[in-house]
Amino acid sequence: MTTLTTIQARSAAAERRLLLRTLERHGWNQAHAASELGIWVTTLKRMMAKHGIENQGGKVGRPRKA
């Protein structure tokens, strides 16, 4: 493995962990997780598909207002 591939693999693994931890923290509510990450829900879904992460029955609604 070259240095670049190693960096890319580690970066992808870190991104996957971040997604999983954020989704778990929000009970798999994708809108809340996306809001915390500062991205759109569609971007979160795209990233989940990229990393093979399936929705665990959480909601995909708009985040509640505080």
PDB file of N, CA and C in Angstrom:
ATOM      1  N   MET A   1       0.840  -1.187   0.000  1.00  0.00           N
ATOM      2  CA  MET A   1       0.000   0.000   0.000  1.00  0.00           C
ATOM      3  C   MET A   1       0.882   1.245   0.000  1.00  0.00           C
ATOM      4  N   THR A   2       0.532   2.164  -0.841  1.00  0.00           N
ATOM      5  CA  THR A   2       1.295   3.398  -0.866  1.00  0.00           C
ATOM      6  C   THR A   2       0.833   4.314   0.262  1.00  0.00           C
ATOM      7  N   THR A   3       1.580   5.339   0.500  1.00  0.00           N
ATOM      8  CA  THR A   3       1.236   6.294   1.549  1.00  0.00           C
ATOM      9  C   THR A   3      -0.115   6.935   1.282  1.00  0.00           C
ATOM     10  N   LEU A   4      -0.376   7.297   0.025  1.00  0.00           N
ATOM     11  CA  LEU A   4      -1.643   7.939  -0.323  1.00  0.00           C
ATOM     12  C   LEU A   4      -2.812   6.999  -0.076  1.00  0.00           C
ATOM     13  N   THR A   5      -2.674   5.728  -0.463  1.00  0.00           N
ATOM     14  CA  THR A   5      -3.772   4.772  -0.235  1.00  0.00           C
ATOM     15  C   THR A   5      -3.988   4.540   1.246  1.00  0.00           C
ATOM     16  N   THR A   6      -2.938   4.527   2.014  1.00  0.00           N
ATOM     17  CA  THR A   6      -3.063   4.366   3.458  1.00  0.00           C
ATOM     18  C   THR A   6      -3.809   5.551   4.064  1.00  0.00           C
ATOM     19  N   ILE A   7      -3.457   6.741   3.642  1.00  0.00           N
ATOM     20  CA  ILE A   7      -4.127   7.948   4.143  1.00  0.00           C
ATOM     21  C   ILE A   7      -5.599   7.922   3.756  1.00  0.00           C
ATOM     22  N   GLN A   8      -5.898   7.544   2.507  1.00  0.00           N
ATOM     23  CA  GLN A   8      -7.287   7.478   2.047  1.00  0.00           C
ATOM     24  C   GLN A   8      -8.080   6.435   2.825  1.00  0.00           C
ATOM     25  N   ALA A   9      -7.491   5.295   3.086  1.00  0.00           N
ATOM     26  CA  ALA A   9      -8.177   4.237   3.833  1.00  0.00           C
ATOM     27  C   ALA A   9      -8.447   4.682   5.268  1.00  0.00           C
ATOM     28  N   ARG A  10      -7.469   5.323   5.881  1.00  0.00           N
ATOM     29  CA  ARG A  10      -7.662   5.800   7.253  1.00  0.00           C
ATOM     30  C   ARG A  10      -8.707   6.905   7.314  1.00  0.00           C
ATOM     31  N   SER A  11      -8.694   7.763   6.315  1.00  0.00           N
ATOM     32  CA  SER A  11      -9.671   8.849   6.246  1.00  0.00           C
ATOM     33  C   SER A  11     -11.080   8.287   6.087  1.00  0.00           C
ATOM     34  N   ALA A  12     -11.242   7.301   5.227  1.00  0.00           N
ATOM     35  CA  ALA A  12     -12.549   6.669   5.019  1.00  0.00           C
ATOM     36  C   ALA A  12     -13.022   5.972   6.292  1.00  0.00           C
ATOM     37  N   ALA A  13     -12.119   5.308   6.985  1.00  0.00           N
ATOM     38  CA  ALA A  13     -12.475   4.621   8.227  1.00  0.00           C
ATOM     39  C   ALA A  13     -12.897   5.631   9.298  1.00  0.00           C
ATOM     40  N   ALA A  14     -12.188   6.747   9.373  1.00  0.00           N
ATOM     41  CA  ALA A  14     -12.532   7.787  10.348  1.00  0.00           C
ATOM     42  C   ALA A  14     -13.893   8.405  10.014  1.00  0.00           C
ATOM     43  N   GLU A  15     -14.152   8.630   8.738  1.00  0.00           N
ATOM     44  CA  GLU A  15     -15.435   9.189   8.306  1.00  0.00           C
ATOM     45  C   GLU A  15     -16.576   8.239   8.666  1.00  0.00           C
ATOM     46  N   ARG A  16     -16.365   6.946   8.445  1.00  0.00           N
ATOM     47  CA  ARG A  16     -17.392   5.934   8.768  1.00  0.00           C
ATOM     48  C   ARG A  16     -17.676   5.919  10.268  1.00  0.00           C
ATOM     49  N   ARG A  17     -16.621   5.949  11.070  1.00  0.00           N
ATOM     50  CA  ARG A  17     -16.793   5.965  12.536  1.00  0.00           C
ATOM     51  C   ARG A  17     -17.557   7.201  12.984  1.00  0.00           C
ATOM     52  N   LEU A  18     -17.219   8.350  12.407  1.00  0.00           N
ATOM     53  CA  LEU A  18     -17.896   9.593  12.745  1.00  0.00           C
ATOM     54  C   LEU A  18     -19.390   9.503  12.421  1.00  0.00           C
ATOM     55  N   LEU A  19     -19.709   8.988  11.241  1.00  0.00           N
ATOM     56  CA  LEU A  19     -21.112   8.830  10.860  1.00  0.00           C
ATOM     57  C   LEU A  19     -21.850   7.915  11.831  1.00  0.00           C
ATOM     58  N   LEU A  20     -21.253   6.765  12.127  1.00  0.00           N
ATOM     59  CA  LEU A  20     -21.908   5.804  13.024  1.00  0.00           C
ATOM     60  C   LEU A  20     -22.114   6.382  14.423  1.00  0.00           C
ATOM     61  N   ARG A  21     -21.103   7.028  14.961  1.00  0.00           N
ATOM     62  CA  ARG A  21     -21.223   7.610  16.303  1.00  0.00           C
ATOM     63  C   ARG A  21     -22.284   8.703  16.347  1.00  0.00           C
ATOM     64  N   THR A  22     -22.318   9.536  15.321  1.00  0.00           N
ATOM     65  CA  THR A  22     -23.299  10.622  15.278  1.00  0.00           C
ATOM     66  C   THR A  22     -24.708  10.063  15.126  1.00  0.00           C
ATOM     67  N   LEU A  23     -24.884   9.089  14.249  1.00  0.00           N
ATOM     68  CA  LEU A  23     -26.202   8.466  14.073  1.00  0.00           C
ATOM     69  C   LEU A  23     -26.666   7.789  15.360  1.00  0.00           C
ATOM     70  N   GLU A  24     -25.777   7.075  16.022  1.00  0.00           N
ATOM     71  CA  GLU A  24     -26.135   6.406  17.276  1.00  0.00           C
ATOM     72  C   GLU A  24     -26.497   7.421  18.350  1.00  0.00           C
ATOM     73  N   ARG A  25     -25.764   8.518  18.428  1.00  0.00           N
ATOM     74  CA  ARG A  25     -26.029   9.550  19.426  1.00  0.00           C
ATOM     75  C   ARG A  25     -27.428  10.145  19.241  1.00  0.00           C
ATOM     76  N   HIS A  26     -27.898  10.172  17.992  1.00  0.00           N
ATOM     77  CA  HIS A  26     -29.200  10.764  17.691  1.00  0.00           C
ATOM     78  C   HIS A  26     -30.274   9.709  17.444  1.00  0.00           C
ATOM     79  N   GLY A  27     -30.042   8.494  17.928  1.00  0.00           N
ATOM     80  CA  GLY A  27     -31.032   7.434  17.778  1.00  0.00           C
ATOM     81  C   GLY A  27     -31.356   7.141  16.325  1.00  0.00           C
ATOM     82  N   TRP A  28     -30.380   7.287  15.457  1.00  0.00           N
ATOM     83  CA  TRP A  28     -30.479   7.052  14.025  1.00  0.00           C
ATOM     84  C   TRP A  28     -31.423   8.026  13.336  1.00  0.00           C
ATOM     85  N   ASN A  29     -31.699   9.160  13.962  1.00  0.00           N
ATOM     86  CA  ASN A  29     -32.488  10.215  13.313  1.00  0.00           C
ATOM     87  C   ASN A  29     -31.544  10.956  12.373  1.00  0.00           C
ATOM     88  N   GLN A  30     -31.741  10.729  11.092  1.00  0.00           N
ATOM     89  CA  GLN A  30     -30.814  11.260  10.097  1.00  0.00           C
ATOM     90  C   GLN A  30     -30.835  12.782  10.029  1.00  0.00           C
ATOM     91  N   ALA A  31     -31.993  13.383  10.229  1.00  0.00           N
ATOM     92  CA  ALA A  31     -32.079  14.846  10.181  1.00  0.00           C
ATOM     93  C   ALA A  31     -31.265  15.464  11.313  1.00  0.00           C
ATOM     94  N   HIS A  32     -31.353  14.904  12.498  1.00  0.00           N
ATOM     95  CA  HIS A  32     -30.605  15.435  13.640  1.00  0.00           C
ATOM     96  C   HIS A  32     -29.104  15.200  13.452  1.00  0.00           C
ATOM     97  N   ALA A  33     -28.755  14.003  12.977  1.00  0.00           N
ATOM     98  CA  ALA A  33     -27.337  13.689  12.751  1.00  0.00           C
ATOM     99  C   ALA A  33     -26.754  14.623  11.689  1.00  0.00           C
ATOM    100  N   ALA A  34     -27.495  14.823  10.599  1.00  0.00           N
ATOM    101  CA  ALA A  34     -27.017  15.700   9.531  1.00  0.00           C
ATOM    102  C   ALA A  34     -26.854  17.127  10.044  1.00  0.00           C
ATOM    103  N   SER A  35     -27.798  17.556  10.868  1.00  0.00           N
ATOM    104  CA  SER A  35     -27.730  18.905  11.430  1.00  0.00           C
ATOM    105  C   SER A  35     -26.474  19.081  12.277  1.00  0.00           C
ATOM    106  N   GLU A  36     -26.178  18.091  13.111  1.00  0.00           N
ATOM    107  CA  GLU A  36     -24.967  18.171  13.945  1.00  0.00           C
ATOM    108  C   GLU A  36     -23.710  18.221  13.091  1.00  0.00           C
ATOM    109  N   LEU A  37     -23.715  17.457  11.999  1.00  0.00           N
ATOM    110  CA  LEU A  37     -22.543  17.402  11.129  1.00  0.00           C
ATOM    111  C   LEU A  37     -22.454  18.609  10.199  1.00  0.00           C
ATOM    112  N   GLY A  38     -23.527  19.392  10.129  1.00  0.00           N
ATOM    113  CA  GLY A  38     -23.521  20.571   9.271  1.00  0.00           C
ATOM    114  C   GLY A  38     -23.670  20.244   7.799  1.00  0.00           C
ATOM    115  N   ILE A  39     -24.385  19.141   7.497  1.00  0.00           N
ATOM    116  CA  ILE A  39     -24.590  18.732   6.113  1.00  0.00           C
ATOM    117  C   ILE A  39     -26.082  18.489   5.875  1.00  0.00           C
ATOM    118  N   TRP A  40     -26.477  18.406   4.609  1.00  0.00           N
ATOM    119  CA  TRP A  40     -27.854  18.097   4.258  1.00  0.00           C
ATOM    120  C   TRP A  40     -28.114  16.614   4.488  1.00  0.00           C
ATOM    121  N   VAL A  41     -29.381  16.257   4.718  1.00  0.00           N
ATOM    122  CA  VAL A  41     -29.761  14.854   4.911  1.00  0.00           C
ATOM    123  C   VAL A  41     -29.400  14.041   3.670  1.00  0.00           C
ATOM    124  N   THR A  42     -29.592  14.607   2.488  1.00  0.00           N
ATOM    125  CA  THR A  42     -29.247  13.874   1.264  1.00  0.00           C
ATOM    126  C   THR A  42     -27.748  13.564   1.201  1.00  0.00           C
ATOM    127  N   THR A  43     -26.934  14.477   1.681  1.00  0.00           N
ATOM    128  CA  THR A  43     -25.485  14.236   1.731  1.00  0.00           C
ATOM    129  C   THR A  43     -25.183  13.126   2.727  1.00  0.00           C
ATOM    130  N   LEU A  44     -25.851  13.146   3.877  1.00  0.00           N
ATOM    131  CA  LEU A  44     -25.660  12.097   4.879  1.00  0.00           C
ATOM    132  C   LEU A  44     -26.034  10.741   4.285  1.00  0.00           C
ATOM    133  N   LYS A  45     -27.169  10.672   3.606  1.00  0.00           N
ATOM    134  CA  LYS A  45     -27.603   9.406   2.991  1.00  0.00           C
ATOM    135  C   LYS A  45     -26.581   8.917   1.966  1.00  0.00           C
ATOM    136  N   ARG A  46     -26.040   9.839   1.174  1.00  0.00           N
ATOM    137  CA  ARG A  46     -25.028   9.483   0.178  1.00  0.00           C
ATOM    138  C   ARG A  46     -23.783   8.924   0.870  1.00  0.00           C
ATOM    139  N   MET A  47     -23.383   9.574   1.966  1.00  0.00           N
ATOM    140  CA  MET A  47     -22.201   9.117   2.704  1.00  0.00           C
ATOM    141  C   MET A  47     -22.465   7.751   3.352  1.00  0.00           C
ATOM    142  N   MET A  48     -23.679   7.561   3.862  1.00  0.00           N
ATOM    143  CA  MET A  48     -24.038   6.269   4.453  1.00  0.00           C
ATOM    144  C   MET A  48     -23.951   5.159   3.414  1.00  0.00           C
ATOM    145  N   ALA A  49     -24.478   5.423   2.211  1.00  0.00           N
ATOM    146  CA  ALA A  49     -24.426   4.427   1.133  1.00  0.00           C
ATOM    147  C   ALA A  49     -22.979   4.127   0.751  1.00  0.00           C
ATOM    148  N   LYS A  50     -22.160   5.168   0.683  1.00  0.00           N
ATOM    149  CA  LYS A  50     -20.748   5.013   0.326  1.00  0.00           C
ATOM    150  C   LYS A  50     -20.037   4.071   1.293  1.00  0.00           C
ATOM    151  N   HIS A  51     -20.411   4.144   2.581  1.00  0.00           N
ATOM    152  CA  HIS A  51     -19.748   3.336   3.609  1.00  0.00           C
ATOM    153  C   HIS A  51     -20.529   2.078   3.971  1.00  0.00           C
ATOM    154  N   GLY A  52     -21.611   1.807   3.243  1.00  0.00           N
ATOM    155  CA  GLY A  52     -22.391   0.592   3.489  1.00  0.00           C
ATOM    156  C   GLY A  52     -23.142   0.621   4.806  1.00  0.00           C
ATOM    157  N   ILE A  53     -23.553   1.802   5.239  1.00  0.00           N
ATOM    158  CA  ILE A  53     -24.283   1.953   6.493  1.00  0.00           C
ATOM    159  C   ILE A  53     -25.771   2.008   6.171  1.00  0.00           C
ATOM    160  N   GLU A  54     -26.540   1.088   6.759  1.00  0.00           N
ATOM    161  CA  GLU A  54     -27.978   1.066   6.538  1.00  0.00           C
ATOM    162  C   GLU A  54     -28.684   1.704   7.718  1.00  0.00           C
ATOM    163  N   ASN A  55     -29.826   2.347   7.429  1.00  0.00           N
ATOM    164  CA  ASN A  55     -30.620   2.987   8.476  1.00  0.00           C
ATOM    165  C   ASN A  55     -31.110   1.918   9.457  1.00  0.00           C
ATOM    166  N   GLN A  56     -30.986   2.180  10.719  1.00  0.00           N
ATOM    167  CA  GLN A  56     -31.378   1.229  11.757  1.00  0.00           C
ATOM    168  C   GLN A  56     -32.780   1.527  12.297  1.00  0.00           C
ATOM    169  N   GLY A  57     -33.673   1.982  11.441  1.00  0.00           N
ATOM    170  CA  GLY A  57     -35.042   2.224  11.859  1.00  0.00           C
ATOM    171  C   GLY A  57     -35.293   3.603  12.422  1.00  0.00           C
ATOM    172  N   GLY A  58     -34.307   4.467  12.330  1.00  0.00           N
ATOM    173  CA  GLY A  58     -34.473   5.826  12.843  1.00  0.00           C
ATOM    174  C   GLY A  58     -35.329   6.670  11.915  1.00  0.00           C
ATOM    175  N   LYS A  59     -35.586   7.876  12.331  1.00  0.00           N
ATOM    176  CA  LYS A  59     -36.437   8.773  11.554  1.00  0.00           C
ATOM    177  C   LYS A  59     -35.606   9.570  10.558  1.00  0.00           C
ATOM    178  N   VAL A  60     -36.290  10.033   9.522  1.00  0.00           N
ATOM    179  CA  VAL A  60     -35.650  10.867   8.518  1.00  0.00           C
ATOM    180  C   VAL A  60     -36.471  12.142   8.379  1.00  0.00           C
ATOM    181  N   GLY A  61     -36.847  12.742   9.461  1.00  0.00           N
ATOM    182  CA  GLY A  61     -37.655  13.950   9.410  1.00  0.00           C
ATOM    183  C   GLY A  61     -36.837  15.198   9.596  1.00  0.00           C
ATOM    184  N   ARG A  62     -37.541  16.307   9.680  1.00  0.00           N
ATOM    185  CA  ARG A  62     -36.860  17.565   9.943  1.00  0.00           C
ATOM    186  C   ARG A  62     -36.503  17.626  11.419  1.00  0.00           C
ATOM    187  N   PRO A  63     -35.374  18.250  11.759  1.00  0.00           N
ATOM    188  CA  PRO A  63     -35.005  18.352  13.166  1.00  0.00           C
ATOM    189  C   PRO A  63     -35.992  19.225  13.930  1.00  0.00           C
ATOM    190  N   ARG A  64     -36.221  18.862  15.167  1.00  0.00           N
ATOM    191  CA  ARG A  64     -37.108  19.648  16.030  1.00  0.00           C
ATOM    192  C   ARG A  64     -36.470  20.970  16.370  1.00  0.00           C
ATOM    193  N   LYS A  65     -37.305  21.991  16.500  1.00  0.00           N
ATOM    194  CA  LYS A  65     -36.786  23.292  16.899  1.00  0.00           C
ATOM    195  C   LYS A  65     -36.566  23.288  18.403  1.00  0.00           C
ATOM    196  N   ALA A  66     -35.476  23.900  18.810  1.00  0.00           N
ATOM    197  CA  ALA A  66     -35.133  23.947  20.252  1.00  0.00           C
ATOM    198  C   ALA A  66     -35.905  25.032  20.949  1.00  0.00           C
TER     199      ALA A  66
END
